C-alpha cells in the first residue's frame, strides 16, 4: 500500500532532480516515525574527519534507525539538513544523489552557527511514513 504521494507543481531542476519533491502527502492510518538528528559519529563512537564521510555516516545512522522501526530510506517523507559551512552544500548534494537518489522527500537545508560538538559538520533529521 502506498503511504505517500509526491507533489511537484513545477519541475525539480538539476542539481536537485531525483533527490527531493516540492511536497509529500501522507495517507491516514500510516505509521509516522520522527527521527532525531543524526550526525557523522559511527556506532563505535568514531567521527569521520571530512564532510562527505560525516554526511554518509549520518545517513547510515538514519537508515539504521529506520530499519529498527521496520522502515527503509524510501519511506522518508521529510529531511532537514543542518550544515555549519556553506562550502559543504555541493558535497551534500553529491552524497544525497549517491545514497538517496529516487527517494525524493521534502527537504530543507539550513546553515547554522554550530552544532552540539564543534567537530560535527552536518546533522540530519527525518520523518518517515510506512504502512
N, C-alpha and C. Protein backbone atom coordinates (compact mmCIF):
# COMPACT_ATOMS: atom_id res chain seq x y z
N UNK A 1 0.83 -1.17 0.00
CA UNK A 1 0.00 0.00 0.00
C UNK A 1 0.88 1.25 0.00
N UNK A 2 0.63 2.16 -0.92
CA UNK A 2 1.39 3.40 -0.97
C UNK A 2 0.93 4.31 0.17
N UNK A 3 1.89 4.81 0.95
CA UNK A 3 1.55 5.64 2.10
C UNK A 3 1.79 7.12 1.87
N UNK A 4 2.40 7.47 0.72
CA UNK A 4 2.65 8.88 0.45
C UNK A 4 2.66 9.16 -1.05
N UNK A 5 2.39 10.41 -1.38
CA UNK A 5 2.37 10.87 -2.77
C UNK A 5 3.24 12.12 -2.87
N UNK A 6 4.09 12.17 -3.90
CA UNK A 6 4.93 13.35 -4.14
C UNK A 6 4.16 14.34 -4.98
N UNK A 7 4.34 15.63 -4.68
CA UNK A 7 3.69 16.69 -5.45
C UNK A 7 4.75 17.66 -5.96
N UNK A 8 4.82 17.80 -7.27
CA UNK A 8 5.76 18.71 -7.91
C UNK A 8 5.01 19.56 -8.93
N UNK A 9 4.41 20.69 -8.51
CA UNK A 9 3.64 21.51 -9.43
C UNK A 9 4.52 22.19 -10.48
N UNK A 10 5.83 22.23 -10.22
CA UNK A 10 6.80 22.70 -11.21
C UNK A 10 8.03 21.81 -11.06
N UNK A 11 8.82 21.70 -12.13
CA UNK A 11 9.92 20.73 -12.13
C UNK A 11 10.97 20.98 -11.05
N UNK A 12 11.52 19.89 -10.54
CA UNK A 12 12.69 19.97 -9.68
C UNK A 12 13.88 19.93 -10.64
N UNK A 13 14.64 20.98 -10.66
CA UNK A 13 15.74 21.12 -11.63
C UNK A 13 17.06 20.62 -11.05
N UNK A 14 18.01 20.39 -11.95
CA UNK A 14 19.37 20.00 -11.55
C UNK A 14 19.97 21.12 -10.70
N UNK A 15 20.78 20.83 -9.72
CA UNK A 15 21.31 19.51 -9.40
C UNK A 15 20.43 18.71 -8.44
N UNK A 16 19.20 19.18 -8.20
CA UNK A 16 18.35 18.55 -7.18
C UNK A 16 17.34 17.54 -7.73
N UNK A 17 17.24 17.44 -9.06
CA UNK A 17 16.30 16.49 -9.66
C UNK A 17 16.61 15.07 -9.16
N UNK A 18 15.56 14.36 -8.78
CA UNK A 18 15.71 12.98 -8.33
C UNK A 18 16.00 12.81 -6.86
N UNK A 19 16.24 13.93 -6.13
CA UNK A 19 16.59 13.78 -4.72
C UNK A 19 15.65 14.51 -3.78
N UNK A 20 14.65 15.22 -4.32
CA UNK A 20 13.63 15.78 -3.44
C UNK A 20 12.37 16.09 -4.22
N UNK A 21 11.29 16.28 -3.48
CA UNK A 21 10.00 16.67 -4.04
C UNK A 21 9.59 17.98 -3.38
N UNK A 22 8.80 18.77 -4.08
CA UNK A 22 8.32 20.03 -3.50
C UNK A 22 7.37 19.78 -2.34
N UNK A 23 6.62 18.70 -2.39
CA UNK A 23 5.70 18.36 -1.32
C UNK A 23 5.49 16.87 -1.25
N UNK A 24 5.23 16.36 -0.06
CA UNK A 24 4.95 14.93 0.12
C UNK A 24 3.72 14.83 1.01
N UNK A 25 2.71 14.16 0.50
CA UNK A 25 1.45 13.96 1.22
C UNK A 25 1.44 12.55 1.79
N UNK A 26 1.09 12.41 3.07
CA UNK A 26 0.99 11.09 3.69
C UNK A 26 -0.47 10.68 3.83
N UNK A 27 -0.71 9.40 3.85
CA UNK A 27 -2.07 8.86 3.95
C UNK A 27 -2.48 8.63 5.40
N UNK A 28 -3.76 8.78 5.67
CA UNK A 28 -4.29 8.50 7.01
C UNK A 28 -4.05 7.03 7.35
N UNK A 29 -3.75 6.78 8.59
CA UNK A 29 -3.54 5.41 9.05
C UNK A 29 -2.11 4.91 8.89
N UNK A 30 -1.24 5.70 8.27
CA UNK A 30 0.15 5.28 8.10
C UNK A 30 0.91 5.46 9.41
N UNK A 31 1.94 4.64 9.59
CA UNK A 31 2.82 4.81 10.75
C UNK A 31 3.78 5.95 10.44
N UNK A 32 3.96 6.87 11.37
CA UNK A 32 4.86 8.01 11.20
C UNK A 32 5.99 7.87 12.21
N UNK A 33 7.24 8.00 11.73
CA UNK A 33 8.41 7.93 12.58
C UNK A 33 9.17 9.25 12.48
N UNK A 34 9.40 9.90 13.60
CA UNK A 34 10.20 11.13 13.67
C UNK A 34 11.58 10.73 14.17
N UNK A 35 12.60 10.98 13.35
CA UNK A 35 13.96 10.57 13.70
C UNK A 35 14.75 11.78 14.19
N UNK A 36 15.31 11.65 15.37
CA UNK A 36 16.15 12.71 15.94
C UNK A 36 17.36 12.96 15.04
N UNK A 37 17.97 14.13 15.21
CA UNK A 37 19.14 14.48 14.43
C UNK A 37 20.23 13.43 14.52
N UNK A 38 20.71 13.02 13.36
CA UNK A 38 21.80 12.05 13.28
C UNK A 38 23.04 12.76 12.78
N UNK A 39 24.20 12.40 13.33
CA UNK A 39 25.46 13.05 12.98
C UNK A 39 26.44 12.00 12.45
N UNK A 40 27.62 12.45 12.09
CA UNK A 40 28.62 11.58 11.46
C UNK A 40 29.46 10.77 12.41
N UNK A 41 28.89 10.36 13.54
CA UNK A 41 29.60 9.53 14.51
C UNK A 41 29.12 8.08 14.32
N UNK A 42 30.07 7.17 14.15
CA UNK A 42 29.72 5.76 13.95
C UNK A 42 29.21 5.16 15.25
N UNK A 43 28.56 3.98 15.17
CA UNK A 43 28.12 3.31 16.40
C UNK A 43 29.26 3.01 17.37
N UNK A 44 30.50 2.95 16.88
CA UNK A 44 31.68 2.71 17.73
C UNK A 44 32.21 4.01 18.34
N UNK A 45 31.55 5.15 18.02
CA UNK A 45 31.96 6.42 18.57
C UNK A 45 33.02 7.16 17.77
N UNK A 46 33.29 6.70 16.55
CA UNK A 46 34.31 7.34 15.71
C UNK A 46 33.68 8.41 14.84
N UNK A 47 34.34 9.56 14.76
CA UNK A 47 33.88 10.67 13.92
C UNK A 47 34.76 10.77 12.69
N UNK A 48 34.12 10.74 11.52
CA UNK A 48 34.86 10.91 10.27
C UNK A 48 35.44 12.32 10.22
N UNK A 49 36.60 12.47 9.58
CA UNK A 49 37.30 13.74 9.55
C UNK A 49 36.72 14.73 8.56
N UNK A 50 36.21 14.25 7.42
CA UNK A 50 35.76 15.19 6.39
C UNK A 50 34.23 15.19 6.27
N UNK A 51 33.74 16.22 5.61
CA UNK A 51 32.30 16.42 5.50
C UNK A 51 31.60 15.25 4.83
N UNK A 52 32.10 14.81 3.67
CA UNK A 52 31.43 13.74 2.91
C UNK A 52 31.24 12.49 3.77
N UNK A 53 32.28 12.10 4.49
CA UNK A 53 32.18 10.89 5.31
C UNK A 53 31.27 11.11 6.51
N UNK A 54 31.28 12.30 7.10
CA UNK A 54 30.33 12.59 8.19
C UNK A 54 28.91 12.53 7.66
N UNK A 55 28.69 13.06 6.48
CA UNK A 55 27.34 13.05 5.90
C UNK A 55 26.89 11.62 5.60
N UNK A 56 27.78 10.84 4.98
CA UNK A 56 27.44 9.43 4.72
C UNK A 56 27.10 8.70 6.02
N UNK A 57 27.94 8.89 7.05
CA UNK A 57 27.70 8.21 8.32
C UNK A 57 26.39 8.65 8.95
N UNK A 58 26.07 9.94 8.88
CA UNK A 58 24.80 10.42 9.42
C UNK A 58 23.63 9.75 8.71
N UNK A 59 23.74 9.59 7.38
CA UNK A 59 22.67 8.93 6.63
C UNK A 59 22.62 7.43 6.92
N UNK A 60 23.77 6.80 7.14
CA UNK A 60 23.78 5.38 7.53
C UNK A 60 23.13 5.23 8.91
N UNK A 61 23.43 6.16 9.83
CA UNK A 61 22.81 6.12 11.15
C UNK A 61 21.29 6.28 11.04
N UNK A 62 20.86 7.20 10.19
CA UNK A 62 19.43 7.39 9.93
C UNK A 62 18.81 6.10 9.39
N UNK A 63 19.49 5.48 8.43
CA UNK A 63 18.98 4.24 7.85
C UNK A 63 18.84 3.15 8.92
N UNK A 64 19.77 3.09 9.87
CA UNK A 64 19.69 2.09 10.93
C UNK A 64 18.50 2.33 11.85
N UNK A 65 18.19 3.60 12.13
CA UNK A 65 17.00 3.91 12.94
C UNK A 65 15.75 3.46 12.18
N UNK A 66 15.71 3.74 10.88
CA UNK A 66 14.57 3.32 10.06
C UNK A 66 14.41 1.80 10.10
N UNK A 67 15.51 1.08 9.91
CA UNK A 67 15.47 -0.39 9.93
C UNK A 67 14.93 -0.92 11.25
N UNK A 68 15.36 -0.29 12.35
CA UNK A 68 14.89 -0.69 13.68
C UNK A 68 13.37 -0.58 13.77
N UNK A 69 12.80 0.38 13.03
CA UNK A 69 11.35 0.58 13.02
C UNK A 69 10.66 -0.17 11.89
N UNK A 70 11.40 -1.02 11.18
CA UNK A 70 10.81 -1.77 10.07
C UNK A 70 10.56 -0.91 8.85
N UNK A 71 11.36 0.13 8.68
CA UNK A 71 11.22 1.04 7.55
C UNK A 71 12.51 1.06 6.75
N UNK A 72 12.47 1.78 5.63
CA UNK A 72 13.65 1.92 4.77
C UNK A 72 13.75 3.36 4.27
N UNK A 73 14.86 3.65 3.60
CA UNK A 73 15.08 5.01 3.11
C UNK A 73 13.93 5.51 2.24
N UNK A 74 13.33 4.63 1.46
CA UNK A 74 12.22 5.02 0.57
C UNK A 74 11.01 5.52 1.35
N UNK A 75 10.94 5.25 2.65
CA UNK A 75 9.81 5.69 3.47
C UNK A 75 9.99 7.12 3.99
N UNK A 76 11.14 7.73 3.77
CA UNK A 76 11.38 9.09 4.24
C UNK A 76 10.49 10.06 3.47
N UNK A 77 9.77 10.92 4.21
CA UNK A 77 8.93 11.93 3.57
C UNK A 77 9.46 13.34 3.83
N UNK A 78 10.33 13.52 4.83
CA UNK A 78 10.88 14.84 5.14
C UNK A 78 12.28 14.70 5.70
N UNK A 79 13.22 15.45 5.16
CA UNK A 79 14.59 15.51 5.67
C UNK A 79 14.94 16.97 5.95
N UNK A 80 15.65 17.19 7.03
CA UNK A 80 16.21 18.51 7.30
C UNK A 80 17.70 18.32 7.56
N UNK A 81 18.51 19.05 6.79
CA UNK A 81 19.96 19.02 6.95
C UNK A 81 20.39 20.32 7.61
N UNK A 82 21.27 20.20 8.58
CA UNK A 82 21.88 21.35 9.24
C UNK A 82 23.37 21.32 8.92
N UNK A 83 23.86 22.36 8.27
CA UNK A 83 25.27 22.46 7.88
C UNK A 83 25.91 23.64 8.58
N UNK A 84 27.19 23.51 8.93
CA UNK A 84 27.88 24.62 9.57
C UNK A 84 28.74 25.41 8.58
N UNK A 85 28.96 24.86 7.37
CA UNK A 85 29.79 25.55 6.38
C UNK A 85 29.08 25.59 5.04
N UNK A 86 29.01 26.75 4.43
CA UNK A 86 28.36 26.90 3.12
C UNK A 86 29.05 26.10 2.04
N UNK A 87 30.35 25.95 2.11
CA UNK A 87 31.07 25.21 1.07
C UNK A 87 30.71 23.72 1.04
N UNK A 88 29.96 23.24 2.01
CA UNK A 88 29.57 21.84 2.03
C UNK A 88 28.26 21.57 1.29
N UNK A 89 27.63 22.59 0.74
CA UNK A 89 26.36 22.39 0.04
C UNK A 89 26.53 21.49 -1.19
N UNK A 90 27.51 21.76 -2.03
CA UNK A 90 27.72 20.93 -3.23
C UNK A 90 28.06 19.48 -2.86
N UNK A 91 28.96 19.24 -1.91
CA UNK A 91 29.20 17.85 -1.49
C UNK A 91 27.95 17.18 -0.90
N UNK A 92 27.12 17.96 -0.20
CA UNK A 92 25.87 17.40 0.34
C UNK A 92 24.99 16.88 -0.80
N UNK A 93 24.85 17.67 -1.85
CA UNK A 93 24.03 17.24 -2.98
C UNK A 93 24.61 15.96 -3.60
N UNK A 94 25.93 15.88 -3.71
CA UNK A 94 26.57 14.68 -4.26
C UNK A 94 26.28 13.45 -3.40
N UNK A 95 26.41 13.60 -2.09
CA UNK A 95 26.15 12.46 -1.18
C UNK A 95 24.67 12.08 -1.23
N UNK A 96 23.78 13.08 -1.29
CA UNK A 96 22.35 12.79 -1.40
C UNK A 96 22.07 11.99 -2.66
N UNK A 97 22.68 12.39 -3.77
CA UNK A 97 22.47 11.65 -5.02
C UNK A 97 23.03 10.23 -4.92
N UNK A 98 24.16 10.09 -4.27
CA UNK A 98 24.78 8.78 -4.10
C UNK A 98 23.92 7.84 -3.26
N UNK A 99 23.37 8.33 -2.16
CA UNK A 99 22.68 7.46 -1.20
C UNK A 99 21.16 7.55 -1.24
N UNK A 100 20.61 8.64 -1.79
CA UNK A 100 19.17 8.86 -1.70
C UNK A 100 18.51 9.09 -3.06
N UNK A 101 19.20 8.85 -4.18
CA UNK A 101 18.60 9.14 -5.48
C UNK A 101 17.31 8.32 -5.64
N UNK A 102 16.25 9.00 -6.02
CA UNK A 102 14.96 8.36 -6.21
C UNK A 102 14.07 8.35 -4.98
N UNK A 103 14.62 8.68 -3.81
CA UNK A 103 13.82 8.70 -2.58
C UNK A 103 12.87 9.89 -2.59
N UNK A 104 13.33 11.07 -2.92
CA UNK A 104 12.55 12.29 -3.14
C UNK A 104 11.65 12.74 -1.98
N UNK A 105 12.21 12.90 -0.78
CA UNK A 105 11.42 13.50 0.29
C UNK A 105 11.36 15.02 0.13
N UNK A 106 10.52 15.66 0.91
CA UNK A 106 10.60 17.11 1.04
C UNK A 106 11.89 17.38 1.83
N UNK A 107 12.67 18.37 1.41
CA UNK A 107 13.97 18.62 2.04
C UNK A 107 14.13 20.10 2.36
N UNK A 108 14.70 20.35 3.53
CA UNK A 108 15.12 21.69 3.91
C UNK A 108 16.58 21.60 4.34
N UNK A 109 17.38 22.55 3.88
CA UNK A 109 18.78 22.64 4.31
C UNK A 109 18.98 23.99 4.97
N UNK A 110 19.56 23.97 6.16
CA UNK A 110 19.74 25.18 6.95
C UNK A 110 21.22 25.30 7.32
N UNK A 111 21.76 26.52 7.19
CA UNK A 111 23.11 26.79 7.66
C UNK A 111 23.01 27.33 9.07
N UNK A 112 23.79 26.73 9.97
CA UNK A 112 23.73 27.09 11.38
C UNK A 112 25.12 27.54 11.87
N UNK A 113 25.14 28.27 12.98
CA UNK A 113 26.41 28.75 13.54
C UNK A 113 27.22 27.61 14.13
N UNK A 114 26.56 26.54 14.53
CA UNK A 114 27.27 25.41 15.09
C UNK A 114 26.31 24.33 15.54
N UNK A 115 26.87 23.15 15.78
CA UNK A 115 26.11 22.02 16.29
C UNK A 115 26.60 21.73 17.71
N UNK A 116 26.06 20.72 18.36
CA UNK A 116 26.40 20.43 19.76
C UNK A 116 27.90 20.25 19.94
N UNK A 117 28.55 19.50 19.06
CA UNK A 117 30.00 19.36 19.10
C UNK A 117 30.60 20.25 18.01
N UNK A 118 31.66 20.99 18.31
CA UNK A 118 32.28 21.82 17.28
C UNK A 118 32.92 21.00 16.16
N UNK A 119 33.09 19.69 16.36
CA UNK A 119 33.67 18.83 15.35
C UNK A 119 32.64 18.31 14.35
N UNK A 120 31.35 18.42 14.68
CA UNK A 120 30.30 17.95 13.77
C UNK A 120 30.09 18.97 12.66
N UNK A 121 30.03 18.49 11.43
CA UNK A 121 29.84 19.36 10.27
C UNK A 121 28.44 19.29 9.70
N UNK A 122 27.69 18.23 10.05
CA UNK A 122 26.35 18.03 9.50
C UNK A 122 25.51 17.27 10.52
N UNK A 123 24.23 17.60 10.53
CA UNK A 123 23.23 16.84 11.29
C UNK A 123 22.00 16.73 10.41
N UNK A 124 21.36 15.56 10.44
CA UNK A 124 20.18 15.35 9.61
C UNK A 124 19.08 14.74 10.45
N UNK A 125 17.88 15.31 10.33
CA UNK A 125 16.71 14.74 10.99
C UNK A 125 15.70 14.35 9.92
N UNK A 126 14.81 13.44 10.28
CA UNK A 126 13.89 12.91 9.26
C UNK A 126 12.53 12.58 9.84
N UNK A 127 11.57 12.51 8.93
CA UNK A 127 10.24 11.97 9.20
C UNK A 127 10.02 10.90 8.14
N UNK A 128 9.58 9.72 8.57
CA UNK A 128 9.30 8.62 7.66
C UNK A 128 7.86 8.17 7.85
N UNK A 129 7.33 7.57 6.82
CA UNK A 129 5.92 7.15 6.81
C UNK A 129 5.84 5.79 6.14
N UNK A 130 5.19 4.82 6.80
CA UNK A 130 5.06 3.48 6.23
C UNK A 130 3.72 2.87 6.66
N UNK A 131 3.34 1.83 5.95
CA UNK A 131 2.08 1.13 6.26
C UNK A 131 2.20 0.36 7.55
